[in-house]
Amino acid sequence: MIDAAIVGLGRWGRSLVESVQGKSGRLRFVRGVDPSPEAREFAARHGLKFSADHAGAISDPAVNAIVLATPHSLHLEQVLAAARAGKAVFCEKPLALKAADAARMIEACDRAGVALGVGHNRRWWPAMRELKRLVESGALGQLLHLEGHNSNENSDRVSGGWRTLPAESPGGGMTGAGLHVLDAMVGLAGPVKRARAQFIERKPPPAPRDTVSVLLEFADGASGLLATIRTTPFYWRVHAFGDRGSAEVLGETELVLRLSGQPPRRLQLEPEDSLRAELEAFADAVEGRAPFPVPPAQMLHTVAAFEAVIRSLETRAA
């Protein structure tokens, strides 16, 4: 059992705690860290020793690992601090906003000999795992093209806080929902060679109406299209096209398989708690049972592609 500290007890940090506390035999939270006094009650309800500063959690010998659900701009220093203390660290996405910072985090954890995990929970969705299996098995043939879309209504639900700040969440919906699709594509097709993006705004924050569209070229020659909208009902789609067939994921458990010469097949897979699954995979990495399923190279490739998309939005060039 890995005893972990959760740093950041906002909406997502609480979701991480609730996914494993009293439910997992692999990881549990023993400390909670948040500057807001309102988080103390949540920590007490889940049996967490509470503090407002993460330094105590990092130095606590009873803590085996640090889980970060904090503002994106804090990730670099918090990951480096955990590595210096010899603590494994799981960081919510984005690992960093700049590839150079992500490279420093990865190198620090490698040098310290501690596991590093990143919170791309969509990779643990049953339909996404089946899509990856289909691509890697060659069932679709050579991968030629990817299309992805992730949208939600979060902009109507978040009226303030750090997530609304452009410095913390650049590129409209790209940092939140869009990054999940970008990471999914990197996991399927590898590093991105070129990105060209556009941002169209209909209404400014705090309740924005904007869309982001991205045209991608992958290093292996595949192409990609990505879109995200911050104010429309939740929608997830990732579609991989090969020269023998295609597979389209629609949500967590649904996949449509189209193979040459065969009628389409719609697969309905058993649901799984993706947050618990990714934290238990992190626990396996901490104990040396298995590497974390998102390799460090892919962590870096996702951040590099994200940074390229943001630069393209700013410069209106590829």
Protein backbone atom coordinates (compact mmCIF):
# COMPACT_ATOMS: atom_id res chain seq x y z
CA MET A 1 0.00 0.00 0.00
CA ILE A 2 1.39 3.41 -1.02
CA ASP A 3 0.74 6.18 1.52
CA ALA A 4 0.40 9.42 -0.43
CA ALA A 5 -0.15 13.11 0.19
CA ILE A 6 -2.55 15.05 -2.02
CA VAL A 7 -1.51 18.64 -2.67
CA GLY A 8 -4.51 20.64 -3.87
CA LEU A 9 -7.99 19.81 -2.61
CA GLY A 10 -10.07 21.63 -5.19
CA ARG A 11 -12.65 19.87 -7.35
CA TRP A 12 -10.17 17.59 -9.10
CA GLY A 13 -8.03 16.86 -6.05
CA ARG A 14 -11.14 15.76 -4.18
CA SER A 15 -12.10 13.52 -7.10
CA LEU A 16 -8.70 11.83 -6.92
CA VAL A 17 -9.09 11.22 -3.19
CA GLU A 18 -12.61 9.84 -3.56
CA SER A 19 -11.53 7.47 -6.33
CA VAL A 20 -9.24 5.45 -4.04
CA GLN A 21 -9.93 6.24 -0.39
CA GLY A 22 -11.35 3.12 1.21
CA LYS A 23 -11.63 1.48 -2.21
CA SER A 24 -8.09 0.69 -3.34
CA GLY A 25 -5.69 -1.85 -1.95
CA ARG A 26 -2.78 -0.18 -3.75
CA LEU A 27 -2.81 3.52 -2.75
CA ARG A 28 -4.38 5.65 -0.02
CA PHE A 29 -4.07 9.27 1.00
CA VAL A 30 -2.77 10.06 4.48
CA ARG A 31 -2.16 13.81 4.15
CA GLY A 32 -4.02 16.65 2.49
CA VAL A 33 -2.54 20.02 1.61
CA ASP A 34 -4.48 23.10 0.58
CA PRO A 35 -4.21 26.82 1.43
CA SER A 36 -8.00 27.09 1.78
CA PRO A 37 -9.36 26.48 5.30
CA GLU A 38 -12.55 25.11 3.74
CA ALA A 39 -10.59 22.04 2.63
CA ARG A 40 -9.93 21.04 6.26
CA GLU A 41 -13.39 19.50 6.66
CA PHE A 42 -12.96 17.38 3.53
CA ALA A 43 -9.55 16.20 4.76
CA ALA A 44 -10.95 15.26 8.16
CA ARG A 45 -13.83 13.36 6.56
CA HIS A 46 -11.36 11.20 4.65
CA GLY A 47 -8.87 10.70 7.48
CA LEU A 48 -6.18 13.02 6.11
CA LYS A 49 -3.70 14.94 8.22
CA PHE A 50 -4.24 18.51 7.00
CA SER A 51 -1.82 21.38 6.42
CA ALA A 52 -1.77 24.55 4.35
CA ASP A 53 1.79 24.12 3.05
CA HIS A 54 3.21 21.21 1.09
CA ALA A 55 6.69 21.33 2.65
CA GLY A 56 5.57 19.28 5.62
CA ALA A 57 4.07 16.62 3.39
CA ILE A 58 7.24 16.33 1.32
CA SER A 59 9.42 15.96 4.44
CA ASP A 60 7.04 13.53 6.19
CA PRO A 61 8.72 10.08 6.37
CA ALA A 62 5.27 8.45 6.49
CA VAL A 63 4.49 9.76 3.00
CA ASN A 64 5.73 7.56 0.12
CA ALA A 65 4.45 9.68 -2.75
CA ILE A 66 3.15 13.14 -3.62
CA VAL A 67 0.10 13.69 -5.82
CA LEU A 68 -0.27 17.19 -7.29
CA ALA A 69 -3.62 18.72 -8.24
CA THR A 70 -2.35 22.28 -8.15
CA PRO A 71 -2.17 25.31 -10.48
CA HIS A 72 -0.15 24.50 -13.57
CA SER A 73 2.47 27.18 -12.93
CA LEU A 74 3.41 25.49 -9.63
CA HIS A 75 4.07 22.04 -11.09
CA LEU A 76 7.75 22.59 -11.93
CA GLU A 77 8.92 23.61 -8.47
CA GLN A 78 6.66 21.13 -6.70
CA VAL A 79 7.88 18.19 -8.79
CA LEU A 80 11.51 19.24 -8.33
CA ALA A 81 10.99 19.55 -4.56
CA ALA A 82 9.47 16.07 -4.37
CA ALA A 83 12.34 14.60 -6.40
CA ARG A 84 14.92 16.26 -4.15
CA ALA A 85 13.20 14.64 -1.16
CA GLY A 86 13.26 11.25 -2.83
CA LYS A 87 9.47 11.10 -3.17
CA ALA A 88 7.67 9.64 -6.15
CA VAL A 89 5.33 12.18 -7.68
CA PHE A 90 2.11 12.04 -9.68
CA CYS A 91 1.25 15.34 -11.37
CA GLU A 92 -2.09 16.22 -12.89
CA LYS A 93 -2.03 17.32 -16.52
CA PRO A 94 -0.58 19.38 -17.97
CA LEU A 95 2.72 18.23 -16.52
CA ALA A 96 4.05 21.63 -17.61
CA LEU A 97 3.16 24.44 -19.96
CA LYS A 98 6.62 24.44 -21.56
CA ALA A 99 8.62 21.50 -22.90
CA ALA A 100 11.81 22.77 -21.24
CA ASP A 101 10.10 22.63 -17.84
CA ALA A 102 8.75 19.13 -18.50
CA ALA A 103 12.25 17.99 -19.47
CA ARG A 104 13.62 19.34 -16.16
CA MET A 105 10.95 17.44 -14.19
CA ILE A 106 11.59 14.19 -16.02
CA GLU A 107 15.35 14.51 -15.61
CA ALA A 108 15.07 15.35 -11.90
CA CYS A 109 12.90 12.31 -11.17
CA ASP A 110 15.17 10.07 -13.22
CA ARG A 111 18.26 11.36 -11.42
CA ALA A 112 16.60 10.85 -8.04
CA GLY A 113 15.43 7.38 -8.99
CA VAL A 114 11.77 8.13 -8.21
CA ALA A 115 8.67 7.34 -10.26
CA LEU A 116 6.91 10.12 -12.16
CA GLY A 117 3.28 9.81 -13.23
CA VAL A 118 1.07 12.25 -15.09
CA GLY A 119 -2.73 12.48 -14.90
CA HIS A 120 -3.99 11.78 -18.41
CA ASN A 121 -6.90 9.68 -17.15
CA ARG A 122 -8.53 9.33 -20.59
CA ARG A 123 -5.81 6.81 -21.45
CA TRP A 124 -7.42 4.47 -18.91
CA TRP A 125 -10.89 4.66 -20.44
CA PRO A 126 -11.77 1.13 -21.63
CA ALA A 127 -12.60 2.31 -25.16
CA MET A 128 -9.31 4.22 -25.44
CA ARG A 129 -7.36 1.19 -24.25
CA GLU A 130 -9.08 -0.94 -26.88
CA LEU A 131 -8.31 1.67 -29.55
CA LYS A 132 -4.63 1.60 -28.61
CA ARG A 133 -4.64 -2.20 -28.78
CA LEU A 134 -6.21 -2.12 -32.24
CA VAL A 135 -3.68 0.43 -33.54
CA GLU A 136 -0.66 -1.38 -32.08
CA SER A 137 -1.85 -4.82 -33.25
CA GLY A 138 -1.96 -3.66 -36.87
CA ALA A 139 -5.65 -4.49 -37.15
CA LEU A 140 -6.27 -1.11 -38.82
CA GLY A 141 -3.20 -1.35 -41.03
CA GLN A 142 -0.87 1.61 -41.35
CA LEU A 143 -2.11 4.56 -39.30
CA LEU A 144 -2.83 7.41 -41.70
CA HIS A 145 -4.97 9.95 -39.85
CA LEU A 146 -6.46 10.82 -36.45
CA GLU A 147 -9.45 12.98 -35.58
CA GLY A 148 -10.35 14.04 -32.08
CA HIS A 149 -12.83 16.25 -30.26
CA ASN A 150 -13.29 16.93 -26.55
CA SER A 151 -15.74 19.56 -25.39
CA ASN A 152 -17.61 20.32 -22.18
CA GLU A 153 -19.57 23.03 -20.41
CA ASN A 154 -16.96 23.85 -17.77
CA SER A 155 -16.74 27.53 -18.78
CA ASP A 156 -20.32 27.98 -17.59
CA ARG A 157 -19.56 26.30 -14.26
CA VAL A 158 -16.23 27.91 -13.34
CA SER A 159 -16.84 31.54 -12.44
CA GLY A 160 -13.44 32.32 -10.95
CA GLY A 161 -10.22 30.88 -9.60
CA TRP A 162 -6.89 30.11 -11.15
CA ARG A 163 -8.23 27.91 -13.97
CA THR A 164 -9.77 30.95 -15.67
CA LEU A 165 -6.44 32.83 -15.84
CA PRO A 166 -4.81 32.90 -19.30
CA ALA A 167 -1.39 32.45 -17.69
CA GLU A 168 -2.55 29.16 -16.13
CA SER A 169 -4.80 27.97 -18.96
CA PRO A 170 -3.60 29.41 -22.28
CA GLY A 171 -5.37 28.70 -25.54
CA GLY A 172 -8.98 28.79 -24.41
CA GLY A 173 -10.22 25.23 -23.98
CA MET A 174 -6.94 23.76 -25.16
CA THR A 175 -5.36 23.45 -21.69
CA GLY A 176 -8.39 21.67 -20.24
CA ALA A 177 -10.36 19.48 -22.60
CA GLY A 178 -8.23 19.86 -25.73
CA LEU A 179 -5.07 18.60 -24.08
CA HIS A 180 -6.72 15.25 -23.34
CA VAL A 181 -7.26 14.66 -27.06
CA LEU A 182 -3.76 15.85 -27.95
CA ASP A 183 -2.25 13.41 -25.45
CA ALA A 184 -4.45 10.60 -26.77
CA MET A 185 -3.15 11.28 -30.28
CA VAL A 186 0.48 11.35 -29.13
CA GLY A 187 -0.13 8.03 -27.39
CA LEU A 188 -1.39 6.56 -30.66
CA ALA A 189 0.78 8.23 -33.32
CA GLY A 190 3.89 9.46 -31.51
CA PRO A 191 5.46 12.92 -31.53
CA VAL A 192 3.97 15.86 -33.42
CA LYS A 193 6.13 17.43 -36.11
CA ARG A 194 3.99 20.50 -36.93
CA ALA A 195 0.84 22.17 -35.58
CA ARG A 196 -1.31 24.91 -37.05
CA ALA A 197 -4.08 26.21 -34.80
CA GLN A 198 -6.88 28.78 -34.78
CA PHE A 199 -8.84 30.36 -31.93
CA ILE A 200 -12.23 31.96 -32.59
CA GLU A 201 -13.89 33.90 -29.78
CA ARG A 202 -17.56 34.86 -29.74
CA LYS A 203 -17.69 36.10 -26.15
CA PRO A 204 -14.89 36.93 -23.68
CA PRO A 205 -14.47 35.42 -20.16
CA PRO A 206 -15.71 34.87 -17.49
CA ALA A 207 -18.29 32.86 -19.49
CA PRO A 208 -16.47 32.53 -22.82
CA ARG A 209 -17.76 31.26 -26.13
CA ASP A 210 -14.73 30.14 -28.10
CA THR A 211 -13.48 27.30 -30.25
CA VAL A 212 -10.00 25.93 -30.91
CA SER A 213 -9.19 23.93 -34.05
CA VAL A 214 -5.80 22.33 -34.73
CA LEU A 215 -4.28 20.76 -37.85
CA LEU A 216 -1.47 18.32 -36.96
CA GLU A 217 1.34 16.54 -38.76
CA PHE A 218 3.01 13.68 -36.89
CA ALA A 219 6.66 12.76 -37.24
CA ASP A 220 5.78 9.39 -38.80
CA GLY A 221 3.72 11.06 -41.56
CA ALA A 222 0.21 10.65 -40.14
CA SER A 223 -2.10 13.67 -40.07
CA GLY A 224 -4.55 14.85 -37.44
CA LEU A 225 -7.48 17.17 -36.73
CA LEU A 226 -8.43 18.32 -33.22
CA ALA A 227 -11.20 20.56 -31.89
CA THR A 228 -12.43 21.72 -28.50
CA ILE A 229 -15.26 23.99 -27.34
CA ARG A 230 -15.56 25.28 -23.79
CA THR A 231 -19.33 25.67 -23.72
CA THR A 232 -21.26 22.79 -25.20
CA PRO A 233 -22.52 19.52 -23.69
CA PHE A 234 -19.77 16.97 -23.01
CA TYR A 235 -18.50 15.18 -26.10
CA TRP A 236 -15.53 12.87 -26.65
CA ARG A 237 -14.48 11.36 -29.93
CA VAL A 238 -11.15 9.94 -31.11
CA HIS A 239 -11.13 8.28 -34.54
CA ALA A 240 -8.10 6.44 -35.93
CA PHE A 241 -7.98 5.74 -39.68
CA GLY A 242 -5.71 3.11 -41.22
CA ASP A 243 -5.41 1.60 -44.67
CA ARG A 244 -7.32 -1.53 -43.55
CA GLY A 245 -10.00 0.06 -41.39
CA SER A 246 -10.86 2.60 -38.75
CA ALA A 247 -11.87 2.62 -35.10
CA GLU A 248 -13.89 5.41 -33.51
CA VAL A 249 -14.16 5.94 -29.75
CA LEU A 250 -17.29 7.70 -28.51
CA GLY A 251 -17.01 8.30 -24.77
CA GLU A 252 -15.54 6.04 -22.12
CA THR A 253 -16.87 2.64 -23.16
CA GLU A 254 -18.14 2.79 -26.76
CA LEU A 255 -16.10 1.98 -29.88
CA VAL A 256 -17.18 1.56 -33.51
CA LEU A 257 -14.92 -0.67 -35.60
CA ARG A 258 -15.00 -0.49 -39.39
CA LEU A 259 -12.82 -3.01 -41.26
CA SER A 260 -12.56 -3.37 -45.03
CA GLY A 261 -15.13 -5.79 -46.41
CA GLN A 262 -17.01 -6.10 -43.11
CA PRO A 263 -20.06 -4.34 -41.66
CA PRO A 264 -19.38 -1.85 -38.84
CA ARG A 265 -19.29 -3.32 -35.33
CA ARG A 266 -20.27 -1.32 -32.26
CA LEU A 267 -18.49 -2.49 -29.10
CA GLN A 268 -19.77 -1.65 -25.61
CA LEU A 269 -17.03 -2.22 -23.03
CA GLU A 270 -17.27 -2.61 -19.27
CA PRO A 271 -16.82 0.71 -17.39
CA GLU A 272 -13.83 1.32 -15.14
CA ASP A 273 -12.86 4.06 -12.68
CA SER A 274 -10.09 5.71 -14.70
CA LEU A 275 -8.86 7.83 -11.79
CA ARG A 276 -8.39 4.81 -9.56
CA ALA A 277 -6.78 2.90 -12.44
CA GLU A 278 -4.19 5.59 -13.13
CA LEU A 279 -3.34 6.03 -9.44
CA GLU A 280 -2.96 2.27 -8.99
CA ALA A 281 -0.71 2.18 -12.07
CA PHE A 282 1.33 4.91 -10.39
CA ALA A 283 1.48 2.78 -7.22
CA ASP A 284 2.85 -0.09 -9.33
CA ALA A 285 5.56 2.24 -10.66
CA VAL A 286 6.44 3.45 -7.15
CA GLU A 287 6.92 -0.14 -5.98
CA GLY A 288 8.82 -1.15 -9.12
CA ARG A 289 6.19 -3.62 -10.26
CA ALA A 290 5.80 -2.03 -13.70
CA PRO A 291 6.77 1.23 -15.44
CA PHE A 292 4.11 3.93 -15.48
CA PRO A 293 2.08 3.34 -18.68
CA VAL A 294 2.76 6.86 -20.00
CA PRO A 295 6.51 6.77 -20.75
CA PRO A 296 8.58 9.89 -19.99
CA ALA A 297 9.21 10.43 -23.72
CA GLN A 298 5.45 10.64 -24.35
CA MET A 299 5.00 12.99 -21.39
CA LEU A 300 7.53 15.29 -23.06
CA HIS A 301 6.07 14.85 -26.56
CA THR A 302 2.60 15.87 -25.31
CA VAL A 303 3.88 19.03 -23.62
CA ALA A 304 6.00 19.92 -26.67
CA ALA A 305 2.98 19.51 -28.95
CA PHE A 306 0.84 21.57 -26.58
CA GLU A 307 3.44 24.35 -26.51
CA ALA A 308 3.52 24.31 -30.32
CA VAL A 309 -0.27 24.66 -30.47
CA ILE A 310 -0.20 27.64 -28.09
CA ARG A 311 2.59 29.29 -30.11
CA SER A 312 0.59 28.74 -33.29
CA LEU A 313 -2.47 30.36 -31.69
CA GLU A 314 -0.36 33.35 -30.66
CA THR A 315 1.46 33.78 -33.99
CA ARG A 316 -1.25 32.51 -36.34
CA ALA A 317 1.45 30.46 -38.07
CA ALA A 318 2.46 26.81 -38.08
